[in-house]
Amino acid sequence: MMNVGLSLGAYVTRHVGVMAGVQGNYGGLTAGCAGDCTSTFSYQIPIVAQYAFEDRSRGVYLEAGLALLTTYAGSTDTKEHPERSPETIKMSAP
């Protein structure tokens, strides 16, 4: 499975920071589908807020966020059994 992610952010004050980005995965799955999955992928757009009690360079901070457009998908291989139609699963959340 290959994982890719990119996040950018900034502290808008000494205590409050905001980050956003994109995360994705791609690869093969050998179990868990109806048959053997040959390709799977997922992606999401995380938006995260941080609050530092002292400041971001030291001390404790809290972090919370949302993962927008989270999607997981996979499809089965039909090369070994061409008489079968490919099966696909896709799950999404706002």
C-alpha atoms as a PDB file:
ATOM      1  CA  MET A   1       0.000   0.000   0.000  1.00  0.00           C
ATOM      2  CA  MET A   2       1.376   3.411  -0.920  1.00  0.00           C
ATOM      3  CA  ASN A   3       0.525   6.381   1.342  1.00  0.00           C
ATOM      4  CA  VAL A   4       0.773  10.004   0.234  1.00  0.00           C
ATOM      5  CA  GLY A   5      -0.008  13.126   2.226  1.00  0.00           C
ATOM      6  CA  LEU A   6       0.510  16.859   2.080  1.00  0.00           C
ATOM      7  CA  SER A   7      -0.353  19.349   4.830  1.00  0.00           C
ATOM      8  CA  LEU A   8       0.149  23.071   5.110  1.00  0.00           C
ATOM      9  CA  GLY A   9      -0.577  25.215   8.099  1.00  0.00           C
ATOM     10  CA  ALA A  10       0.283  28.231  10.146  1.00  0.00           C
ATOM     11  CA  TYR A  11      -0.142  29.579  13.627  1.00  0.00           C
ATOM     12  CA  VAL A  12      -2.454  32.566  13.301  1.00  0.00           C
ATOM     13  CA  THR A  13      -1.676  33.588  16.888  1.00  0.00           C
ATOM     14  CA  ARG A  14       0.804  32.370  19.479  1.00  0.00           C
ATOM     15  CA  HIS A  15      -1.780  29.845  20.695  1.00  0.00           C
ATOM     16  CA  VAL A  16      -3.977  28.955  17.698  1.00  0.00           C
ATOM     17  CA  GLY A  17      -2.903  27.085  14.566  1.00  0.00           C
ATOM     18  CA  VAL A  18      -4.779  25.814  11.511  1.00  0.00           C
ATOM     19  CA  MET A  19      -3.676  23.095   9.077  1.00  0.00           C
ATOM     20  CA  ALA A  20      -5.260  21.621   5.952  1.00  0.00           C
ATOM     21  CA  GLY A  21      -4.141  19.091   3.419  1.00  0.00           C
ATOM     22  CA  VAL A  22      -4.884  15.965   1.446  1.00  0.00           C
ATOM     23  CA  GLN A  23      -4.133  12.315   2.207  1.00  0.00           C
ATOM     24  CA  GLY A  24      -4.403   9.294  -0.051  1.00  0.00           C
ATOM     25  CA  ASN A  25      -3.608   5.586  -0.250  1.00  0.00           C
ATOM     26  CA  TYR A  26      -3.365   3.229  -3.203  1.00  0.00           C
ATOM     27  CA  GLY A  27      -2.501  -0.443  -3.410  1.00  0.00           C
ATOM     28  CA  GLY A  28      -3.652  -4.020  -3.508  1.00  0.00           C
ATOM     29  CA  LEU A  29      -5.733  -5.912  -1.008  1.00  0.00           C
ATOM     30  CA  THR A  30      -5.663  -9.694  -0.892  1.00  0.00           C
ATOM     31  CA  ALA A  31      -8.508 -10.379   1.544  1.00  0.00           C
ATOM     32  CA  GLY A  32     -11.660  -8.751   2.829  1.00  0.00           C
ATOM     33  CA  CYS A  33     -13.540  -8.359  -0.454  1.00  0.00           C
ATOM     34  CA  ALA A  34     -15.738 -10.858  -2.276  1.00  0.00           C
ATOM     35  CA  GLY A  35     -12.769 -12.559  -3.933  1.00  0.00           C
ATOM     36  CA  ASP A  36      -9.317 -11.031  -4.146  1.00  0.00           C
ATOM     37  CA  CYS A  37      -9.179  -7.268  -4.562  1.00  0.00           C
ATOM     38  CA  THR A  38      -6.575  -6.121  -7.029  1.00  0.00           C
ATOM     39  CA  SER A  39      -6.879  -2.409  -6.482  1.00  0.00           C
ATOM     40  CA  THR A  40      -7.949  -0.267  -3.576  1.00  0.00           C
ATOM     41  CA  PHE A  41      -7.697   3.430  -2.822  1.00  0.00           C
ATOM     42  CA  SER A  42      -8.768   5.964  -0.249  1.00  0.00           C
ATOM     43  CA  TYR A  43      -8.558   9.722   0.103  1.00  0.00           C
ATOM     44  CA  GLN A  44      -9.577  12.475   2.491  1.00  0.00           C
ATOM     45  CA  ILE A  45      -9.107  16.189   3.090  1.00  0.00           C
ATOM     46  CA  PRO A  46      -8.165  16.787   6.739  1.00  0.00           C
ATOM     47  CA  ILE A  47      -8.679  20.197   8.371  1.00  0.00           C
ATOM     48  CA  VAL A  48      -7.108  20.491  11.810  1.00  0.00           C
ATOM     49  CA  ALA A  49      -7.075  23.212  14.477  1.00  0.00           C
ATOM     50  CA  GLN A  50      -4.514  23.329  17.296  1.00  0.00           C
ATOM     51  CA  TYR A  51      -4.512  25.206  20.569  1.00  0.00           C
ATOM     52  CA  ALA A  52      -1.258  25.548  22.549  1.00  0.00           C
ATOM     53  CA  PHE A  53      -1.534  26.428  26.244  1.00  0.00           C
ATOM     54  CA  GLU A  54       1.843  28.233  26.327  1.00  0.00           C
ATOM     55  CA  ASP A  55       2.981  28.514  22.725  1.00  0.00           C
ATOM     56  CA  ARG A  56       3.622  26.081  19.878  1.00  0.00           C
ATOM     57  CA  SER A  57       7.374  25.815  20.522  1.00  0.00           C
ATOM     58  CA  ARG A  58       6.888  24.181  23.933  1.00  0.00           C
ATOM     59  CA  GLY A  59       4.296  22.794  26.269  1.00  0.00           C
ATOM     60  CA  VAL A  60       1.045  20.942  25.843  1.00  0.00           C
ATOM     61  CA  TYR A  61      -1.380  21.566  22.997  1.00  0.00           C
ATOM     62  CA  LEU A  62      -4.760  20.210  21.893  1.00  0.00           C
ATOM     63  CA  GLU A  63      -5.594  19.192  18.349  1.00  0.00           C
ATOM     64  CA  ALA A  64      -8.984  18.483  16.744  1.00  0.00           C
ATOM     65  CA  GLY A  65     -10.217  18.330  13.208  1.00  0.00           C
ATOM     66  CA  LEU A  66     -12.413  16.961  10.463  1.00  0.00           C
ATOM     67  CA  ALA A  67     -11.626  14.608   7.586  1.00  0.00           C
ATOM     68  CA  LEU A  68     -13.760  15.859   4.713  1.00  0.00           C
ATOM     69  CA  LEU A  69     -14.758  13.766   1.690  1.00  0.00           C
ATOM     70  CA  THR A  70     -13.397  10.542   3.184  1.00  0.00           C
ATOM     71  CA  THR A  71     -13.704   7.805   0.534  1.00  0.00           C
ATOM     72  CA  TYR A  72     -12.617   4.149   0.499  1.00  0.00           C
ATOM     73  CA  ALA A  73     -12.960   2.017  -2.654  1.00  0.00           C
ATOM     74  CA  GLY A  74     -11.842  -1.299  -4.113  1.00  0.00           C
ATOM     75  CA  SER A  75     -12.571  -3.567  -7.051  1.00  0.00           C
ATOM     76  CA  THR A  76     -12.073  -7.272  -7.689  1.00  0.00           C
ATOM     77  CA  ASP A  77     -10.058  -8.901 -10.442  1.00  0.00           C
ATOM     78  CA  THR A  78     -11.844 -10.697 -13.271  1.00  0.00           C
ATOM     79  CA  LYS A  79      -8.753 -11.842 -15.234  1.00  0.00           C
ATOM     80  CA  GLU A  80      -8.851 -15.375 -13.815  1.00  0.00           C
ATOM     81  CA  HIS A  81     -12.649 -15.641 -14.230  1.00  0.00           C
ATOM     82  CA  PRO A  82     -13.702 -13.476 -17.222  1.00  0.00           C
ATOM     83  CA  GLU A  83     -17.276 -14.844 -17.024  1.00  0.00           C
ATOM     84  CA  ARG A  84     -17.733 -12.956 -13.743  1.00  0.00           C
ATOM     85  CA  SER A  85     -18.433  -9.256 -13.632  1.00  0.00           C
ATOM     86  CA  PRO A  86     -16.064  -7.126 -11.530  1.00  0.00           C
ATOM     87  CA  GLU A  87     -17.303  -6.283  -8.052  1.00  0.00           C
ATOM     88  CA  THR A  88     -16.764  -2.791  -6.743  1.00  0.00           C
ATOM     89  CA  ILE A  89     -17.235  -1.292  -3.306  1.00  0.00           C
ATOM     90  CA  LYS A  90     -17.132   2.419  -2.513  1.00  0.00           C
ATOM     91  CA  MET A  91     -17.825   4.072   0.838  1.00  0.00           C
ATOM     92  CA  SER A  92     -17.908   7.822   1.348  1.00  0.00           C
ATOM     93  CA  ALA A  93     -18.619  10.212   4.212  1.00  0.00           C
ATOM     94  CA  PRO A  94     -19.049  14.001   4.079  1.00  0.00           C
END
